Structure formats: C-alpha cells, structure tokens
Amino acid sequence: MAEEAAPGGLEVVRTFLNSWVIPNDTREAEDQLETVDWAATYPDLAPPTDFPELRALRDDLRAALGQSHPVSLTDQLARHRLVPMLAPAGSARPVELVAAAPTASGQLLARVITAIADGRWRRLRACPDCRWVFYDTSRNGSRTWCAMTAGGPFGRGCGSIAKTRAYRARH
C-alpha cells in the first residue's frame, strides 16, 4: 500500500507491525515474521533470536495502537529494560532510550516509548477492516482507513469499501 512513512524510528515499528498480511482472496492472516529478510527489512535492529517474544511484542503493540497513554505496555517495559543515553551533538533529542540488552524486541520497544513521549504513537493506527497499520498524517488526526483507493495489485481501499457498504445499507 502506498502511503507516507511514519516519522523517525516509528516507520521501522510500523513495518514490524505489518509483518503479517491478510490477502484479499482468502482474508485469513498469514504471519511473515520468520520469512522476512530481517537484515534487509530491519538493518538497524539486532537479528531476531526469539520469535515467540517478537510475536508477543507485536500483539501487545497492536493492542496499544492509537492510544496516547498505552499503560498496557508496562509488562513489556518490565521484560525489556530501557536505559537513557546522551545523544550525540546535533541529535534531535538530547537523551535517547536504548535497550539495555541489544535485542530486536528491546530496540523496537525503545522506539515505541520514544514515539509515545513525542506524541506520535497515537497517530499509528490499524485499519478496522484489513488491520494494516498506517501512520495518520491527517491534519486533525482522525483518519480511520488504510486507504480510500486500492493503489495497486495488493491494495484494498478499505475506506471506499466501507463507504459503499454504508451507502447500500441506507438505500
């Protein structure tokens, strides 16, 4: 799906959250977490060592999408200790959170906590139909659907589909 990238380190998180797909023909989720070329897709993250842990993190993060204060991530914070580090001169933030242990889960969680602190996390949302995660760039932050048009062979255009359903139900 063609769309604007999420700002900063949140784009890597968005890509991670979309590591499963629901094909239009079957509409059944297919997990792609273990089949993705990790080094090419996530070059800044440590290679994965614990896929069940990554799946649990993905599920917890997906459940917290769109929230400005996702307290449900407290258990993940207890599992993956983050430590503050002074950023190099010229960085956007003077202090950065980094994972105490260089695991992919910890590194992803550090990016999420930074996005929560910056107020960007609440704009990361999942489409109510296909569950594709997108970053809401609308001015008022009220975008609901992944896209209004299909935008390619694998796109879905859930917004148009929902509006057509609603129109047909009314008439």
C-alpha atoms as a PDB file:
ATOM      1  CA  MET A   1       0.000   0.000   0.000  1.00  0.00           C
ATOM      2  CA  ALA A   2       1.426   3.342  -0.995  1.00  0.00           C
ATOM      3  CA  GLU A   3       1.431   5.776   1.881  1.00  0.00           C
ATOM      4  CA  GLU A   4       3.543   8.243   3.736  1.00  0.00           C
ATOM      5  CA  ALA A   5       6.180   6.815   6.025  1.00  0.00           C
ATOM      6  CA  ALA A   6       5.855   7.252   9.759  1.00  0.00           C
ATOM      7  CA  PRO A   7       8.302   9.812  11.173  1.00  0.00           C
ATOM      8  CA  GLY A   8      11.607   8.893  12.757  1.00  0.00           C
ATOM      9  CA  GLY A   9      12.109   5.416  14.119  1.00  0.00           C
ATOM     10  CA  LEU A  10       8.370   4.770  14.046  1.00  0.00           C
ATOM     11  CA  GLU A  11       8.488   3.602  10.421  1.00  0.00           C
ATOM     12  CA  VAL A  12      10.503   0.542  11.464  1.00  0.00           C
ATOM     13  CA  VAL A  13       7.878  -0.179  14.122  1.00  0.00           C
ATOM     14  CA  ARG A  14       5.070   0.217  11.563  1.00  0.00           C
ATOM     15  CA  THR A  15       6.820  -2.185   9.212  1.00  0.00           C
ATOM     16  CA  PHE A  16       7.263  -4.663  12.070  1.00  0.00           C
ATOM     17  CA  LEU A  17       3.576  -4.396  12.999  1.00  0.00           C
ATOM     18  CA  ASN A  18       2.683  -5.172   9.381  1.00  0.00           C
ATOM     19  CA  SER A  19       4.774  -8.364   9.387  1.00  0.00           C
ATOM     20  CA  TRP A  20       1.632 -10.332   8.684  1.00  0.00           C
ATOM     21  CA  VAL A  21      -0.872  -9.839   5.890  1.00  0.00           C
ATOM     22  CA  ILE A  22      -4.474 -10.665   5.150  1.00  0.00           C
ATOM     23  CA  PRO A  23      -4.674 -11.483   1.434  1.00  0.00           C
ATOM     24  CA  ASN A  24      -7.747 -10.154  -0.357  1.00  0.00           C
ATOM     25  CA  ASP A  25      -8.651 -13.560  -1.749  1.00  0.00           C
ATOM     26  CA  THR A  26      -8.572 -15.628   1.474  1.00  0.00           C
ATOM     27  CA  ARG A  27      -8.997 -12.876   4.131  1.00  0.00           C
ATOM     28  CA  GLU A  28      -7.057 -15.087   6.567  1.00  0.00           C
ATOM     29  CA  ALA A  29      -3.955 -13.733   8.294  1.00  0.00           C
ATOM     30  CA  GLU A  30      -0.571 -15.061   7.203  1.00  0.00           C
ATOM     31  CA  ASP A  31       2.337 -14.475   9.594  1.00  0.00           C
ATOM     32  CA  GLN A  32       5.503 -13.415   7.767  1.00  0.00           C
ATOM     33  CA  LEU A  33       7.685 -12.645  10.769  1.00  0.00           C
ATOM     34  CA  GLU A  34      10.028 -15.617  10.297  1.00  0.00           C
ATOM     35  CA  THR A  35      10.173 -15.454   6.499  1.00  0.00           C
ATOM     36  CA  VAL A  36      11.115 -11.784   6.120  1.00  0.00           C
ATOM     37  CA  ASP A  37      14.703 -10.909   5.168  1.00  0.00           C
ATOM     38  CA  TRP A  38      15.471  -9.374   8.566  1.00  0.00           C
ATOM     39  CA  ALA A  39      18.804  -7.780   7.602  1.00  0.00           C
ATOM     40  CA  ALA A  40      17.277  -6.038   4.580  1.00  0.00           C
ATOM     41  CA  THR A  41      13.978  -5.038   6.184  1.00  0.00           C
ATOM     42  CA  TYR A  42      15.318  -4.058   9.623  1.00  0.00           C
ATOM     43  CA  PRO A  43      19.006  -3.177   9.107  1.00  0.00           C
ATOM     44  CA  ASP A  44      19.177  -1.113  12.321  1.00  0.00           C
ATOM     45  CA  LEU A  45      17.823  -3.893  14.547  1.00  0.00           C
ATOM     46  CA  ALA A  46      19.588  -6.859  16.081  1.00  0.00           C
ATOM     47  CA  PRO A  47      18.907 -10.191  14.367  1.00  0.00           C
ATOM     48  CA  PRO A  48      15.938 -11.950  15.966  1.00  0.00           C
ATOM     49  CA  THR A  49      16.640 -14.761  18.405  1.00  0.00           C
ATOM     50  CA  ASP A  50      13.217 -15.280  19.984  1.00  0.00           C
ATOM     51  CA  PHE A  51      10.284 -15.255  17.562  1.00  0.00           C
ATOM     52  CA  PRO A  52       7.652 -16.049  20.226  1.00  0.00           C
ATOM     53  CA  GLU A  53       8.844 -12.971  22.157  1.00  0.00           C
ATOM     54  CA  LEU A  54       8.644 -10.854  18.996  1.00  0.00           C
ATOM     55  CA  ARG A  55       5.111 -12.109  18.319  1.00  0.00           C
ATOM     56  CA  ALA A  56       4.074 -11.240  21.876  1.00  0.00           C
ATOM     57  CA  LEU A  57       5.538  -7.754  21.471  1.00  0.00           C
ATOM     58  CA  ARG A  58       3.792  -7.326  18.120  1.00  0.00           C
ATOM     59  CA  ASP A  59       0.457  -8.375  19.645  1.00  0.00           C
ATOM     60  CA  ASP A  60       0.884  -6.020  22.617  1.00  0.00           C
ATOM     61  CA  LEU A  61       1.885  -3.120  20.384  1.00  0.00           C
ATOM     62  CA  ARG A  62      -1.043  -3.720  18.026  1.00  0.00           C
ATOM     63  CA  ALA A  63      -3.400  -3.731  21.033  1.00  0.00           C
ATOM     64  CA  ALA A  64      -1.965  -0.349  22.124  1.00  0.00           C
ATOM     65  CA  LEU A  65      -2.277   1.372  18.732  1.00  0.00           C
ATOM     66  CA  GLY A  66      -3.897   4.782  18.712  1.00  0.00           C
ATOM     67  CA  GLN A  67      -3.580   5.295  22.468  1.00  0.00           C
ATOM     68  CA  SER A  68      -1.793   8.322  23.871  1.00  0.00           C
ATOM     69  CA  HIS A  69      -1.080   6.579  27.222  1.00  0.00           C
ATOM     70  CA  PRO A  70      -0.751   2.833  26.481  1.00  0.00           C
ATOM     71  CA  VAL A  71      -0.338   1.532  30.033  1.00  0.00           C
ATOM     72  CA  SER A  72      -0.818  -1.977  28.657  1.00  0.00           C
ATOM     73  CA  LEU A  73       2.850  -1.867  27.593  1.00  0.00           C
ATOM     74  CA  THR A  74       4.027  -1.854  31.223  1.00  0.00           C
ATOM     75  CA  ASP A  75       4.708  -5.613  31.167  1.00  0.00           C
ATOM     76  CA  GLN A  76       6.818  -5.227  28.024  1.00  0.00           C
ATOM     77  CA  LEU A  77       8.810  -2.476  29.738  1.00  0.00           C
ATOM     78  CA  ALA A  78       9.453  -4.811  32.673  1.00  0.00           C
ATOM     79  CA  ARG A  79      10.743  -7.509  30.278  1.00  0.00           C
ATOM     80  CA  HIS A  80      12.916  -5.202  28.190  1.00  0.00           C
ATOM     81  CA  ARG A  81      14.823  -2.748  30.311  1.00  0.00           C
ATOM     82  CA  LEU A  82      15.492   0.566  28.598  1.00  0.00           C
ATOM     83  CA  VAL A  83      18.217   2.952  29.680  1.00  0.00           C
ATOM     84  CA  PRO A  84      18.661   6.639  28.869  1.00  0.00           C
ATOM     85  CA  MET A  85      21.757   7.596  26.900  1.00  0.00           C
ATOM     86  CA  LEU A  86      23.033  11.031  25.995  1.00  0.00           C
ATOM     87  CA  ALA A  87      22.647  11.549  22.275  1.00  0.00           C
ATOM     88  CA  PRO A  88      25.474  12.770  20.057  1.00  0.00           C
ATOM     89  CA  ALA A  89      25.692  16.508  19.413  1.00  0.00           C
ATOM     90  CA  GLY A  90      23.243  17.618  16.737  1.00  0.00           C
ATOM     91  CA  SER A  91      20.659  14.949  17.505  1.00  0.00           C
ATOM     92  CA  ALA A  92      17.012  15.940  17.611  1.00  0.00           C
ATOM     93  CA  ARG A  93      16.696  14.650  21.172  1.00  0.00           C
ATOM     94  CA  PRO A  94      19.381  15.249  23.815  1.00  0.00           C
ATOM     95  CA  VAL A  95      18.575  11.957  25.550  1.00  0.00           C
ATOM     96  CA  GLU A  96      17.630   8.709  23.834  1.00  0.00           C
ATOM     97  CA  LEU A  97      16.282   5.472  25.230  1.00  0.00           C
ATOM     98  CA  VAL A  98      18.163   2.347  24.234  1.00  0.00           C
ATOM     99  CA  ALA A  99      17.617  -1.284  25.080  1.00  0.00           C
ATOM    100  CA  ALA A 100      19.861  -2.482  27.902  1.00  0.00           C
ATOM    101  CA  ALA A 101      20.259  -5.778  26.039  1.00  0.00           C
ATOM    102  CA  PRO A 102      20.618  -5.396  22.253  1.00  0.00           C
ATOM    103  CA  THR A 103      17.608  -7.488  21.270  1.00  0.00           C
ATOM    104  CA  ALA A 104      15.230  -6.715  18.439  1.00  0.00           C
ATOM    105  CA  SER A 105      12.314  -6.604  20.902  1.00  0.00           C
ATOM    106  CA  GLY A 106      14.086  -4.144  23.181  1.00  0.00           C
ATOM    107  CA  GLN A 107      15.157  -1.944  20.299  1.00  0.00           C
ATOM    108  CA  LEU A 108      11.617  -1.836  18.898  1.00  0.00           C
ATOM    109  CA  LEU A 109      10.178  -1.050  22.325  1.00  0.00           C
ATOM    110  CA  ALA A 110      12.659   1.820  22.772  1.00  0.00           C
ATOM    111  CA  ARG A 111      11.400   3.357  19.522  1.00  0.00           C
ATOM    112  CA  VAL A 112       7.800   2.962  20.672  1.00  0.00           C
ATOM    113  CA  ILE A 113       8.455   4.621  24.045  1.00  0.00           C
ATOM    114  CA  THR A 114      10.211   7.499  22.270  1.00  0.00           C
ATOM    115  CA  ALA A 115       7.191   7.889  19.966  1.00  0.00           C
ATOM    116  CA  ILE A 116       4.856   7.880  22.982  1.00  0.00           C
ATOM    117  CA  ALA A 117       6.938  10.629  24.607  1.00  0.00           C
ATOM    118  CA  ASP A 118       6.891  12.647  21.361  1.00  0.00           C
ATOM    119  CA  GLY A 119       3.104  12.252  20.997  1.00  0.00           C
ATOM    120  CA  ARG A 120       3.444  10.379  17.691  1.00  0.00           C
ATOM    121  CA  TRP A 121       2.360   6.927  18.853  1.00  0.00           C
ATOM    122  CA  ARG A 122      -1.335   7.874  18.996  1.00  0.00           C
ATOM    123  CA  ARG A 123      -1.264   8.537  15.247  1.00  0.00           C
ATOM    124  CA  LEU A 124      -0.178   4.980  14.467  1.00  0.00           C
ATOM    125  CA  ARG A 125      -3.409   3.077  13.820  1.00  0.00           C
ATOM    126  CA  ALA A 126      -4.742  -0.153  12.352  1.00  0.00           C
ATOM    127  CA  CYS A 127      -7.416  -0.189   9.673  1.00  0.00           C
ATOM    128  CA  PRO A 128     -10.627  -1.598  11.206  1.00  0.00           C
ATOM    129  CA  ASP A 129     -11.152  -3.835   8.174  1.00  0.00           C
ATOM    130  CA  CYS A 130      -7.821  -5.246   6.992  1.00  0.00           C
ATOM    131  CA  ARG A 131      -5.847  -4.385  10.179  1.00  0.00           C
ATOM    132  CA  TRP A 132      -2.983  -2.813   8.128  1.00  0.00           C
ATOM    133  CA  VAL A 133      -1.069  -0.383  10.319  1.00  0.00           C
ATOM    134  CA  PHE A 134      -0.686   3.135   8.934  1.00  0.00           C
ATOM    135  CA  TYR A 135       0.507   6.487  10.223  1.00  0.00           C
ATOM    136  CA  ASP A 136      -2.247   9.101  10.317  1.00  0.00           C
ATOM    137  CA  THR A 137      -0.923  12.239   8.649  1.00  0.00           C
ATOM    138  CA  SER A 138      -4.283  13.996   8.507  1.00  0.00           C
ATOM    139  CA  ARG A 139      -4.387  17.469   9.975  1.00  0.00           C
ATOM    140  CA  ASN A 140      -6.893  16.616  12.706  1.00  0.00           C
ATOM    141  CA  GLY A 141      -5.626  13.086  13.342  1.00  0.00           C
ATOM    142  CA  SER A 142      -8.919  11.377  12.542  1.00  0.00           C
ATOM    143  CA  ARG A 143      -8.049   9.056   9.652  1.00  0.00           C
ATOM    144  CA  THR A 144      -9.734   5.678  10.026  1.00  0.00           C
ATOM    145  CA  TRP A 145      -8.952   3.578   6.976  1.00  0.00           C
ATOM    146  CA  CYS A 146      -5.700   2.293   5.490  1.00  0.00           C
ATOM    147  CA  ALA A 147      -6.627   3.831   2.144  1.00  0.00           C
ATOM    148  CA  MET A 148      -9.578   5.101   0.167  1.00  0.00           C
ATOM    149  CA  THR A 149      -8.365   3.539  -3.086  1.00  0.00           C
ATOM    150  CA  ALA A 150      -6.665   0.221  -3.752  1.00  0.00           C
ATOM    151  CA  GLY A 151      -3.478   1.863  -5.047  1.00  0.00           C
ATOM    152  CA  GLY A 152      -2.009  -1.291  -6.541  1.00  0.00           C
ATOM    153  CA  PRO A 153      -2.485  -5.021  -7.008  1.00  0.00           C
ATOM    154  CA  PHE A 154      -2.221  -5.792  -3.281  1.00  0.00           C
ATOM    155  CA  GLY A 155      -4.045  -2.700  -2.032  1.00  0.00           C
ATOM    156  CA  ARG A 156      -7.552  -2.913  -0.724  1.00  0.00           C
ATOM    157  CA  GLY A 157      -9.141   0.531  -0.460  1.00  0.00           C
ATOM    158  CA  CYS A 158     -10.991  -0.293   2.764  1.00  0.00           C
ATOM    159  CA  GLY A 159     -12.377   3.251   3.081  1.00  0.00           C
ATOM    160  CA  SER A 160     -14.177   3.050  -0.252  1.00  0.00           C
ATOM    161  CA  ILE A 161     -15.453  -0.438   0.537  1.00  0.00           C
ATOM    162  CA  ALA A 162     -16.858   0.715   3.896  1.00  0.00           C
ATOM    163  CA  LYS A 163     -18.495   3.798   2.403  1.00  0.00           C
ATOM    164  CA  THR A 164     -20.064   1.712  -0.359  1.00  0.00           C
ATOM    165  CA  ARG A 165     -21.424  -0.752   2.230  1.00  0.00           C
ATOM    166  CA  ALA A 166     -22.880   2.089   4.278  1.00  0.00           C
ATOM    167  CA  TYR A 167     -24.458   3.670   1.188  1.00  0.00           C
ATOM    168  CA  ARG A 168     -26.032   0.375   0.134  1.00  0.00           C
ATOM    169  CA  ALA A 169     -27.342  -0.240   3.654  1.00  0.00           C
ATOM    170  CA  ARG A 170     -29.019   3.173   3.638  1.00  0.00           C
ATOM    171  CA  HIS A 171     -30.620   2.734   0.196  1.00  0.00           C
END
